[in-house]
Amino acid sequence: IIGIGQFGYAAALQLIENGNQVCVIDKNISIISNIQDKVS
C-alpha cells in the first residue's frame, strides 16, 4: 500500500487481519512509525 492516510491505514490493518503480508510505504516518517509494528 502506497500512501497511508485513513484509507491506506484501514486497508493495511484489514489485510493483515485477513492473513496477508503487507508492506506500507509513505513519505511521512511519523505515519510509518505509527504503523510499522502492525504490518509486515
Full PDB file with SEQRES, HELIX, SHEET, SSBOND, CRYST1, ORIGX, SCALE, CONECT and MASTER records, all heavy atoms in Angstrom:
SEQRES   1 A   40  ILE ILE GLY ILE GLY GLN PHE GLY TYR ALA ALA ALA LEU          
SEQRES   2 A   40  GLN LEU ILE GLU ASN GLY ASN GLN VAL CYS VAL ILE ASP          
SEQRES   3 A   40  LYS ASN ILE SER ILE ILE SER ASN ILE GLN ASP LYS VAL          
SEQRES   4 A   40  SER                                                          
HELIX    1 AA1 GLN A    6  GLU A   17  1                                  12    
HELIX    2 AA2 ILE A   29  ILE A   35  1                                   7    
CRYST1    1.000    1.000    1.000  90.00  90.00  90.00 P 1           1          
ORIGX1      1.000000  0.000000  0.000000        0.00000                         
ORIGX2      0.000000  1.000000  0.000000        0.00000                         
ORIGX3      0.000000  0.000000  1.000000        0.00000                         
SCALE1      1.000000  0.000000  0.000000        0.00000                         
SCALE2      0.000000  1.000000  0.000000        0.00000                         
SCALE3      0.000000  0.000000  1.000000        0.00000                         
ATOM      1  N   ILE A   1       0.859  -1.177   0.000  1.00  0.00           N  
ATOM      2  CA  ILE A   1       0.000   0.000   0.000  1.00  0.00           C  
ATOM      3  C   ILE A   1       0.894   1.224   0.000  1.00  0.00           C  
ATOM      4  O   ILE A   1       1.746   1.388   0.874  1.00  0.00           O  
ATOM      5  CB  ILE A   1      -0.939   0.022   1.222  1.00  0.00           C  
ATOM      6  CG1 ILE A   1      -1.803  -1.233   1.241  1.00  0.00           C  
ATOM      7  CG2 ILE A   1      -1.792   1.296   1.208  1.00  0.00           C  
ATOM      8  CD1 ILE A   1      -2.668  -1.377   2.472  1.00  0.00           C  
ATOM      9  N   ILE A   2       0.700   2.079  -0.991  1.00  0.00           N  
ATOM     10  CA  ILE A   2       1.472   3.309  -1.102  1.00  0.00           C  
ATOM     11  C   ILE A   2       0.544   4.468  -0.768  1.00  0.00           C  
ATOM     12  O   ILE A   2      -0.447   4.689  -1.458  1.00  0.00           O  
ATOM     13  CB  ILE A   2       2.078   3.476  -2.513  1.00  0.00           C  
ATOM     14  CG1 ILE A   2       2.977   2.269  -2.832  1.00  0.00           C  
ATOM     15  CG2 ILE A   2       2.851   4.790  -2.617  1.00  0.00           C  
ATOM     16  CD1 ILE A   2       3.515   2.243  -4.255  1.00  0.00           C  
ATOM     17  N   GLY A   3       0.871   5.185   0.296  1.00  0.00           N  
ATOM     18  CA  GLY A   3       0.044   6.294   0.771  1.00  0.00           C  
ATOM     19  C   GLY A   3      -0.780   5.838   1.960  1.00  0.00           C  
ATOM     20  O   GLY A   3      -1.771   5.125   1.798  1.00  0.00           O  
ATOM     21  N   ILE A   4      -0.361   6.232   3.147  1.00  0.00           N  
ATOM     22  CA  ILE A   4      -1.021   5.732   4.354  1.00  0.00           C  
ATOM     23  C   ILE A   4      -1.775   6.868   5.042  1.00  0.00           C  
ATOM     24  O   ILE A   4      -1.318   7.429   6.035  1.00  0.00           O  
ATOM     25  CB  ILE A   4      -0.005   5.070   5.317  1.00  0.00           C  
ATOM     26  CG1 ILE A   4       0.825   4.017   4.581  1.00  0.00           C  
ATOM     27  CG2 ILE A   4      -0.721   4.442   6.509  1.00  0.00           C  
ATOM     28  CD1 ILE A   4      -0.005   2.923   3.914  1.00  0.00           C  
ATOM     29  N   GLY A   5      -2.926   7.197   4.463  1.00  0.00           N  
ATOM     30  CA  GLY A   5      -3.880   8.076   5.121  1.00  0.00           C  
ATOM     31  C   GLY A   5      -4.902   7.189   5.809  1.00  0.00           C  
ATOM     32  O   GLY A   5      -4.625   6.029   6.144  1.00  0.00           O  
ATOM     33  N   GLN A   6      -6.101   7.688   5.997  1.00  0.00           N  
ATOM     34  CA  GLN A   6      -7.139   6.888   6.662  1.00  0.00           C  
ATOM     35  C   GLN A   6      -7.480   5.639   5.870  1.00  0.00           C  
ATOM     36  O   GLN A   6      -7.605   4.555   6.435  1.00  0.00           O  
ATOM     37  CB  GLN A   6      -8.386   7.740   6.876  1.00  0.00           C  
ATOM     38  CG  GLN A   6      -8.211   8.810   7.909  1.00  0.00           C  
ATOM     39  CD  GLN A   6      -9.472   9.646   8.098  1.00  0.00           C  
ATOM     40  OE1 GLN A   6     -10.443   9.540   7.351  1.00  0.00           O  
ATOM     41  NE2 GLN A   6      -9.468  10.493   9.117  1.00  0.00           N  
ATOM     42  N   PHE A   7      -7.643   5.767   4.559  1.00  0.00           N  
ATOM     43  CA  PHE A   7      -7.980   4.621   3.708  1.00  0.00           C  
ATOM     44  C   PHE A   7      -6.852   3.598   3.694  1.00  0.00           C  
ATOM     45  O   PHE A   7      -7.065   2.401   3.911  1.00  0.00           O  
ATOM     46  CB  PHE A   7      -8.312   5.092   2.290  1.00  0.00           C  
ATOM     47  CG  PHE A   7      -8.532   3.975   1.312  1.00  0.00           C  
ATOM     48  CD1 PHE A   7      -9.670   3.206   1.366  1.00  0.00           C  
ATOM     49  CD2 PHE A   7      -7.590   3.694   0.327  1.00  0.00           C  
ATOM     50  CE1 PHE A   7      -9.886   2.164   0.456  1.00  0.00           C  
ATOM     51  CE2 PHE A   7      -7.785   2.668  -0.578  1.00  0.00           C  
ATOM     52  CZ  PHE A   7      -8.929   1.903  -0.515  1.00  0.00           C  
ATOM     53  N   GLY A   8      -5.633   4.047   3.436  1.00  0.00           N  
ATOM     54  CA  GLY A   8      -4.493   3.139   3.375  1.00  0.00           C  
ATOM     55  C   GLY A   8      -4.236   2.436   4.691  1.00  0.00           C  
ATOM     56  O   GLY A   8      -3.934   1.242   4.726  1.00  0.00           O  
ATOM     57  N   TYR A   9      -4.374   3.161   5.788  1.00  0.00           N  
ATOM     58  CA  TYR A   9      -4.172   2.594   7.127  1.00  0.00           C  
ATOM     59  C   TYR A   9      -5.206   1.502   7.405  1.00  0.00           C  
ATOM     60  O   TYR A   9      -4.861   0.398   7.829  1.00  0.00           O  
ATOM     61  CB  TYR A   9      -4.267   3.709   8.167  1.00  0.00           C  
ATOM     62  CG  TYR A   9      -3.786   3.346   9.544  1.00  0.00           C  
ATOM     63  CD1 TYR A   9      -2.465   3.585   9.915  1.00  0.00           C  
ATOM     64  CD2 TYR A   9      -4.637   2.775  10.488  1.00  0.00           C  
ATOM     65  CE1 TYR A   9      -2.007   3.267  11.192  1.00  0.00           C  
ATOM     66  CE2 TYR A   9      -4.184   2.450  11.753  1.00  0.00           C  
ATOM     67  CZ  TYR A   9      -2.875   2.694  12.107  1.00  0.00           C  
ATOM     68  OH  TYR A   9      -2.428   2.368  13.372  1.00  0.00           O  
ATOM     69  N   ALA A  10      -6.469   1.813   7.150  1.00  0.00           N  
ATOM     70  CA  ALA A  10      -7.539   0.834   7.382  1.00  0.00           C  
ATOM     71  C   ALA A  10      -7.365  -0.388   6.488  1.00  0.00           C  
ATOM     72  O   ALA A  10      -7.554  -1.530   6.931  1.00  0.00           O  
ATOM     73  CB  ALA A  10      -8.906   1.476   7.160  1.00  0.00           C  
ATOM     74  N   ALA A  11      -7.000  -0.169   5.229  1.00  0.00           N  
ATOM     75  CA  ALA A  11      -6.787  -1.285   4.292  1.00  0.00           C  
ATOM     76  C   ALA A  11      -5.645  -2.174   4.771  1.00  0.00           C  
ATOM     77  O   ALA A  11      -5.750  -3.407   4.743  1.00  0.00           O  
ATOM     78  CB  ALA A  11      -6.522  -0.752   2.893  1.00  0.00           C  
ATOM     79  N   ALA A  12      -4.562  -1.560   5.235  1.00  0.00           N  
ATOM     80  CA  ALA A  12      -3.405  -2.328   5.707  1.00  0.00           C  
ATOM     81  C   ALA A  12      -3.776  -3.207   6.894  1.00  0.00           C  
ATOM     82  O   ALA A  12      -3.451  -4.399   6.921  1.00  0.00           O  
ATOM     83  CB  ALA A  12      -2.269  -1.375   6.084  1.00  0.00           C  
ATOM     84  N   LEU A  13      -4.460  -2.630   7.861  1.00  0.00           N  
ATOM     85  CA  LEU A  13      -4.826  -3.408   9.053  1.00  0.00           C  
ATOM     86  C   LEU A  13      -5.778  -4.547   8.716  1.00  0.00           C  
ATOM     87  O   LEU A  13      -5.663  -5.657   9.255  1.00  0.00           O  
ATOM     88  CB  LEU A  13      -5.429  -2.499  10.116  1.00  0.00           C  
ATOM     89  CG  LEU A  13      -4.484  -1.443  10.703  1.00  0.00           C  
ATOM     90  CD1 LEU A  13      -5.177  -0.671  11.814  1.00  0.00           C  
ATOM     91  CD2 LEU A  13      -3.179  -2.050  11.193  1.00  0.00           C  
ATOM     92  N   GLN A  14      -6.733  -4.310   7.802  1.00  0.00           N  
ATOM     93  CA  GLN A  14      -7.670  -5.378   7.434  1.00  0.00           C  
ATOM     94  C   GLN A  14      -6.968  -6.479   6.643  1.00  0.00           C  
ATOM     95  O   GLN A  14      -7.253  -7.662   6.838  1.00  0.00           O  
ATOM     96  CB  GLN A  14      -8.842  -4.807   6.631  1.00  0.00           C  
ATOM     97  CG  GLN A  14      -9.977  -5.795   6.441  1.00  0.00           C  
ATOM     98  CD  GLN A  14     -10.571  -6.263   7.768  1.00  0.00           C  
ATOM     99  OE1 GLN A  14     -10.961  -5.448   8.590  1.00  0.00           O  
ATOM    100  NE2 GLN A  14     -10.628  -7.567   7.983  1.00  0.00           N  
ATOM    101  N   LEU A  15      -6.047  -6.106   5.765  1.00  0.00           N  
ATOM    102  CA  LEU A  15      -5.284  -7.118   5.027  1.00  0.00           C  
ATOM    103  C   LEU A  15      -4.464  -7.985   5.976  1.00  0.00           C  
ATOM    104  O   LEU A  15      -4.403  -9.209   5.826  1.00  0.00           O  
ATOM    105  CB  LEU A  15      -4.373  -6.454   3.990  1.00  0.00           C  
ATOM    106  CG  LEU A  15      -5.067  -5.956   2.731  1.00  0.00           C  
ATOM    107  CD1 LEU A  15      -4.163  -5.003   1.955  1.00  0.00           C  
ATOM    108  CD2 LEU A  15      -5.484  -7.131   1.853  1.00  0.00           C  
ATOM    109  N   ILE A  16      -3.844  -7.366   6.975  1.00  0.00           N  
ATOM    110  CA  ILE A  16      -3.085  -8.118   7.980  1.00  0.00           C  
ATOM    111  C   ILE A  16      -4.018  -9.054   8.751  1.00  0.00           C  
ATOM    112  O   ILE A  16      -3.716 -10.240   8.945  1.00  0.00           O  
ATOM    113  CB  ILE A  16      -2.355  -7.153   8.946  1.00  0.00           C  
ATOM    114  CG1 ILE A  16      -1.152  -6.512   8.264  1.00  0.00           C  
ATOM    115  CG2 ILE A  16      -1.945  -7.849  10.245  1.00  0.00           C  
ATOM    116  CD1 ILE A  16       0.016  -7.448   8.003  1.00  0.00           C  
ATOM    117  N   GLU A  17      -5.166  -8.524   9.174  1.00  0.00           N  
ATOM    118  CA  GLU A  17      -6.129  -9.344   9.917  1.00  0.00           C  
ATOM    119  C   GLU A  17      -6.595 -10.537   9.090  1.00  0.00           C  
ATOM    120  O   GLU A  17      -6.866 -11.606   9.628  1.00  0.00           O  
ATOM    121  CB  GLU A  17      -7.324  -8.494  10.343  1.00  0.00           C  
ATOM    122  CG  GLU A  17      -8.272  -9.233  11.270  1.00  0.00           C  
ATOM    123  CD  GLU A  17      -9.375  -8.346  11.822  1.00  0.00           C  
ATOM    124  OE1 GLU A  17      -9.068  -7.213  12.239  1.00  0.00           O  
ATOM    125  OE2 GLU A  17     -10.537  -8.802  11.820  1.00  0.00           O  
ATOM    126  N   ASN A  18      -6.666 -10.363   7.765  1.00  0.00           N  
ATOM    127  CA  ASN A  18      -7.092 -11.443   6.879  1.00  0.00           C  
ATOM    128  C   ASN A  18      -5.954 -12.412   6.550  1.00  0.00           C  
ATOM    129  O   ASN A  18      -6.126 -13.308   5.731  1.00  0.00           O  
ATOM    130  CB  ASN A  18      -7.674 -10.874   5.591  1.00  0.00           C  
ATOM    131  CG  ASN A  18      -9.005 -10.180   5.810  1.00  0.00           C  
ATOM    132  OD1 ASN A  18      -9.577 -10.241   6.893  1.00  0.00           O  
ATOM    133  ND2 ASN A  18      -9.495  -9.508   4.786  1.00  0.00           N  
ATOM    134  N   GLY A  19      -4.777 -12.196   7.146  1.00  0.00           N  
ATOM    135  CA  GLY A  19      -3.675 -13.146   6.982  1.00  0.00           C  
ATOM    136  C   GLY A  19      -2.723 -12.858   5.840  1.00  0.00           C  
ATOM    137  O   GLY A  19      -1.971 -13.749   5.436  1.00  0.00           O  
ATOM    138  N   ASN A  20      -2.712 -11.657   5.321  1.00  0.00           N  
ATOM    139  CA  ASN A  20      -1.844 -11.312   4.205  1.00  0.00           C  
ATOM    140  C   ASN A  20      -0.551 -10.668   4.681  1.00  0.00           C  
ATOM    141  O   ASN A  20      -0.484 -10.130   5.781  1.00  0.00           O  
ATOM    142  CB  ASN A  20      -2.571 -10.330   3.270  1.00  0.00           C  
ATOM    143  CG  ASN A  20      -3.820 -10.940   2.698  1.00  0.00           C  
ATOM    144  OD1 ASN A  20      -3.756 -11.792   1.838  1.00  0.00           O  
ATOM    145  ND2 ASN A  20      -4.968 -10.514   3.192  1.00  0.00           N  
ATOM    146  N   GLN A  21       0.469 -10.710   3.842  1.00  0.00           N  
ATOM    147  CA  GLN A  21       1.704  -9.962   4.056  1.00  0.00           C  
ATOM    148  C   GLN A  21       1.465  -8.551   3.539  1.00  0.00           C  
ATOM    149  O   GLN A  21       0.968  -8.386   2.426  1.00  0.00           O  
ATOM    150  CB  GLN A  21       2.872 -10.591   3.287  1.00  0.00           C  
ATOM    151  CG  GLN A  21       3.271 -11.959   3.785  1.00  0.00           C  
ATOM    152  CD  GLN A  21       3.962 -11.855   5.131  1.00  0.00           C  
ATOM    153  OE1 GLN A  21       4.821 -11.011   5.343  1.00  0.00           O  
ATOM    154  NE2 GLN A  21       3.572 -12.723   6.055  1.00  0.00           N  
ATOM    155  N   VAL A  22       1.800  -7.539   4.328  1.00  0.00           N  
ATOM    156  CA  VAL A  22       1.522  -6.159   3.922  1.00  0.00           C  
ATOM    157  C   VAL A  22       2.754  -5.287   4.113  1.00  0.00           C  
ATOM    158  O   VAL A  22       3.319  -5.217   5.211  1.00  0.00           O  
ATOM    159  CB  VAL A  22       0.340  -5.554   4.713  1.00  0.00           C  
ATOM    160  CG1 VAL A  22       0.090  -4.110   4.298  1.00  0.00           C  
ATOM    161  CG2 VAL A  22      -0.919  -6.388   4.507  1.00  0.00           C  
ATOM    162  N   CYS A  23       3.130  -4.623   3.032  1.00  0.00           N  
ATOM    163  CA  CYS A  23       4.176  -3.613   3.059  1.00  0.00           C  
ATOM    164  C   CYS A  23       3.490  -2.265   2.868  1.00  0.00           C  
ATOM    165  O   CYS A  23       2.693  -2.101   1.944  1.00  0.00           O  
ATOM    166  CB  CYS A  23       5.179  -3.845   1.930  1.00  0.00           C  
ATOM    167  SG  CYS A  23       6.399  -2.525   1.757  1.00  0.00           S  
ATOM    168  N   VAL A  24       3.771  -1.322   3.761  1.00  0.00           N  
ATOM    169  CA  VAL A  24       3.217   0.022   3.613  1.00  0.00           C  
ATOM    170  C   VAL A  24       4.343   0.997   3.294  1.00  0.00           C  
ATOM    171  O   VAL A  24       5.464   0.851   3.792  1.00  0.00           O  
ATOM    172  CB  VAL A  24       2.441   0.484   4.866  1.00  0.00           C  
ATOM    173  CG1 VAL A  24       1.222  -0.392   5.097  1.00  0.00           C  
ATOM    174  CG2 VAL A  24       3.325   0.510   6.092  1.00  0.00           C  
ATOM    175  N   ILE A  25       4.027   1.972   2.460  1.00  0.00           N  
ATOM    176  CA  ILE A  25       5.012   2.965   2.053  1.00  0.00           C  
ATOM    177  C   ILE A  25       4.376   4.339   2.145  1.00  0.00           C  
ATOM    178  O   ILE A  25       3.276   4.565   1.631  1.00  0.00           O  
ATOM    179  CB  ILE A  25       5.494   2.715   0.606  1.00  0.00           C  
ATOM    180  CG1 ILE A  25       6.107   1.322   0.496  1.00  0.00           C  
ATOM    181  CG2 ILE A  25       6.475   3.806   0.177  1.00  0.00           C  
ATOM    182  CD1 ILE A  25       6.412   0.891  -0.914  1.00  0.00           C  
ATOM    183  N   ASP A  26       5.082   5.246   2.807  1.00  0.00           N  
ATOM    184  CA  ASP A  26       4.627   6.626   2.891  1.00  0.00           C  
ATOM    185  C   ASP A  26       5.862   7.501   3.074  1.00  0.00           C  
ATOM    186  O   ASP A  26       6.872   7.054   3.614  1.00  0.00           O  
ATOM    187  CB  ASP A  26       3.654   6.824   4.061  1.00  0.00           C  
ATOM    188  CG  ASP A  26       2.845   8.099   3.935  1.00  0.00           C  
ATOM    189  OD1 ASP A  26       3.369   9.184   4.271  1.00  0.00           O  
ATOM    190  OD2 ASP A  26       1.683   8.011   3.484  1.00  0.00           O  
ATOM    191  N   LYS A  27       5.770   8.748   2.634  1.00  0.00           N  
ATOM    192  CA  LYS A  27       6.907   9.659   2.768  1.00  0.00           C  
ATOM    193  C   LYS A  27       6.994  10.302   4.148  1.00  0.00           C  
ATOM    194  O   LYS A  27       7.999  10.902   4.494  1.00  0.00           O  
ATOM    195  CB  LYS A  27       6.871  10.731   1.682  1.00  0.00           C  
ATOM    196  CG  LYS A  27       5.663  11.648   1.741  1.00  0.00           C  
ATOM    197  CD  LYS A  27       5.674  12.622   0.576  1.00  0.00           C  
ATOM    198  CE  LYS A  27       4.413  13.463   0.577  1.00  0.00           C  
ATOM    199  NZ  LYS A  27       4.368  14.357  -0.571  1.00  0.00           N  
ATOM    200  N   ASN A  28       5.953  10.141   4.967  1.00  0.00           N  
ATOM    201  CA  ASN A  28       5.907  10.750   6.286  1.00  0.00           C  
ATOM    202  C   ASN A  28       6.407   9.761   7.340  1.00  0.00           C  
ATOM    203  O   ASN A  28       5.762   8.741   7.600  1.00  0.00           O  
ATOM    204  CB  ASN A  28       4.475  11.197   6.589  1.00  0.00           C  
ATOM    205  CG  ASN A  28       4.347  11.964   7.871  1.00  0.00           C  
ATOM    206  OD1 ASN A  28       4.996  11.667   8.861  1.00  0.00           O  
ATOM    207  ND2 ASN A  28       3.468  12.958   7.861  1.00  0.00           N  
ATOM    208  N   ILE A  29       7.537  10.074   7.962  1.00  0.00           N  
ATOM    209  CA  ILE A  29       8.148   9.164   8.932  1.00  0.00           C  
ATOM    210  C   ILE A  29       7.263   8.923  10.152  1.00  0.00           C  
ATOM    211  O   ILE A  29       7.240   7.820  10.701  1.00  0.00           O  
ATOM    212  CB  ILE A  29       9.555   9.649   9.357  1.00  0.00           C  
ATOM    213  CG1 ILE A  29      10.276   8.584  10.195  1.00  0.00           C  
ATOM    214  CG2 ILE A  29       9.480  10.965  10.128  1.00  0.00           C  
ATOM    215  CD1 ILE A  29      10.635   7.349   9.452  1.00  0.00           C  
ATOM    216  N   SER A  30       6.490   9.913  10.580  1.00  0.00           N  
ATOM    217  CA  SER A  30       5.641   9.704  11.754  1.00  0.00           C  
ATOM    218  C   SER A  30       4.512   8.717  11.443  1.00  0.00           C  
ATOM    219  O   SER A  30       4.132   7.926  12.303  1.00  0.00           O  
ATOM    220  CB  SER A  30       5.085  11.032  12.285  1.00  0.00           C  
ATOM    221  OG  SER A  30       4.241  11.637  11.340  1.00  0.00           O  
ATOM    222  N   ILE A  31       3.995   8.747  10.231  1.00  0.00           N  
ATOM    223  CA  ILE A  31       2.975   7.770   9.826  1.00  0.00           C  
ATOM    224  C   ILE A  31       3.572   6.367   9.818  1.00  0.00           C  
ATOM    225  O   ILE A  31       2.971   5.415  10.327  1.00  0.00           O  
ATOM    226  CB  ILE A  31       2.379   8.137   8.452  1.00  0.00           C  
ATOM    227  CG1 ILE A  31       1.525   9.398   8.567  1.00  0.00           C  
ATOM    228  CG2 ILE A  31       1.585   6.982   7.864  1.00  0.00           C  
ATOM    229  CD1 ILE A  31       1.045   9.964   7.245  1.00  0.00           C  
ATOM    230  N   ILE A  32       4.764   6.240   9.259  1.00  0.00           N  
ATOM    231  CA  ILE A  32       5.437   4.944   9.214  1.00  0.00           C  
ATOM    232  C   ILE A  32       5.720   4.443  10.631  1.00  0.00           C  
ATOM    233  O   ILE A  32       5.527   3.269  10.941  1.00  0.00           O  
ATOM    234  CB  ILE A  32       6.730   5.036   8.367  1.00  0.00           C  
ATOM    235  CG1 ILE A  32       6.378   5.260   6.889  1.00  0.00           C  
ATOM    236  CG2 ILE A  32       7.602   3.794   8.529  1.00  0.00           C  
ATOM    237  CD1 ILE A  32       5.521   4.179   6.255  1.00  0.00           C  
ATOM    238  N   SER A  33       6.144   5.343  11.508  1.00  0.00           N  
ATOM    239  CA  SER A  33       6.414   4.963  12.902  1.00  0.00           C  
ATOM    240  C   SER A  33       5.166   4.443  13.603  1.00  0.00           C  
ATOM    241  O   SER A  33       5.240   3.518  14.406  1.00  0.00           O  
ATOM    242  CB  SER A  33       6.967   6.160  13.684  1.00  0.00           C  
ATOM    243  OG  SER A  33       8.206   6.551  13.147  1.00  0.00           O  
ATOM    244  N   ASN A  34       4.008   5.030  13.286  1.00  0.00           N  
ATOM    245  CA  ASN A  34       2.751   4.623  13.928  1.00  0.00           C  
ATOM    246  C   ASN A  34       2.236   3.272  13.460  1.00  0.00           C  
ATOM    247  O   ASN A  34       1.493   2.616  14.183  1.00  0.00           O  
ATOM    248  CB  ASN A  34       1.674   5.681  13.696  1.00  0.00           C  
ATOM    249  CG  ASN A  34       1.902   6.928  14.508  1.00  0.00           C  
ATOM    250  OD1 ASN A  34       2.553   6.890  15.543  1.00  0.00           O  
ATOM    251  ND2 ASN A  34       1.380   8.044  14.038  1.00  0.00           N  
ATOM    252  N   ILE A  35       2.618   2.851  12.262  1.00  0.00           N  
ATOM    253  CA  ILE A  35       2.049   1.617  11.711  1.00  0.00           C  
ATOM    254  C   ILE A  35       3.059   0.480  11.617  1.00  0.00           C  
ATOM    255  O   ILE A  35       2.677  -0.677  11.459  1.00  0.00           O  
ATOM    256  CB  ILE A  35       1.390   1.885  10.334  1.00  0.00           C  
ATOM    257  CG1 ILE A  35       0.439   0.743   9.954  1.00  0.00           C  
ATOM    258  CG2 ILE A  35       2.440   2.147   9.259  1.00  0.00           C  
ATOM    259  CD1 ILE A  35      -0.419   1.007   8.744  1.00  0.00           C  
ATOM    260  N   GLN A  36       4.331   0.754  11.765  1.00  0.00           N  
ATOM    261  CA  GLN A  36       5.363  -0.247  11.488  1.00  0.00           C  
ATOM    262  C   GLN A  36       5.242  -1.529  12.314  1.00  0.00           C  
ATOM    263  O   GLN A  36       5.581  -2.610  11.834  1.00  0.00           O  
ATOM    264  CB  GLN A  36       6.754   0.347  11.647  1.00  0.00           C  
ATOM    265  CG  GLN A  36       7.128   0.718  13.058  1.00  0.00           C  
ATOM    266  CD  GLN A  36       8.486   1.398  13.126  1.00  0.00           C  
ATOM    267  OE1 GLN A  36       9.146   1.588  12.099  1.00  0.00           O  
ATOM    268  NE2 GLN A  36       8.908   1.755  14.323  1.00  0.00           N  
ATOM    269  N   ASP A  37       4.729  -1.445  13.531  1.00  0.00           N  
ATOM    270  CA  ASP A  37       4.585  -2.639  14.366  1.00  0.00           C  
ATOM    271  C   ASP A  37       3.328  -3.443  14.052  1.00  0.00           C  
ATOM    272  O   ASP A  37       3.145  -4.534  14.585  1.00  0.00           O  
ATOM    273  CB  ASP A  37       4.570  -2.251  15.848  1.00  0.00           C  
ATOM    274  CG  ASP A  37       5.896  -1.658  16.302  1.00  0.00           C  
ATOM    275  OD1 ASP A  37       6.935  -1.986  15.686  1.00  0.00           O  
ATOM    276  OD2 ASP A  37       5.893  -0.870  17.258  1.00  0.00           O  
ATOM    277  N   LYS A  38       2.481  -2.906  13.178  1.00  0.00           N  
ATOM    278  CA  LYS A  38       1.210  -3.570  12.867  1.00  0.00           C  
ATOM    279  C   LYS A  38       1.222  -4.290  11.517  1.00  0.00           C  
ATOM    280  O   LYS A  38       0.284  -5.009  11.194  1.00  0.00           O  
ATOM    281  CB  LYS A  38       0.089  -2.534  12.889  1.00  0.00           C  
ATOM    282  CG  LYS A  38      -0.095  -1.859  14.245  1.00  0.00           C  
ATOM    283  CD  LYS A  38      -1.125  -0.753  14.167  1.00  0.00           C  
ATOM    284  CE  LYS A  38      -1.350  -0.143  15.513  1.00  0.00           C  
ATOM    285  NZ  LYS A  38      -0.646   1.086  15.737  1.00  0.00           N  
ATOM    286  N   VAL A  39       2.257  -4.042  10.704  1.00  0.00           N  
ATOM    287  CA  VAL A  39       2.319  -4.605   9.352  1.00  0.00           C  
ATOM    288  C   VAL A  39       3.603  -5.409   9.176  1.00  0.00           C  
ATOM    289  O   VAL A  39       4.478  -5.408  10.039  1.00  0.00           O  
ATOM    290  CB  VAL A  39       2.233  -3.489   8.287  1.00  0.00           C  
ATOM    291  CG1 VAL A  39       0.887  -2.781   8.349  1.00  0.00           C  
ATOM    292  CG2 VAL A  39       3.374  -2.492   8.421  1.00  0.00           C  
ATOM    293  N   SER A  40       3.712  -6.089   8.052  1.00  0.00           N  
ATOM    294  CA  SER A  40       4.894  -6.903   7.774  1.00  0.00           C  
ATOM    295  C   SER A  40       6.131  -6.046   7.538  1.00  0.00           C  
ATOM    296  O   SER A  40       7.217  -6.349   8.039  1.00  0.00           O  
ATOM    297  CB  SER A  40       4.633  -7.782   6.544  1.00  0.00           C  
ATOM    298  OG  SER A  40       3.413  -8.476   6.664  1.00  0.00           O  
TER     299      SER A  40                                                      
MASTER        0    0    0    2    0    0    0    6  298    1    0    4          
END                                                                             
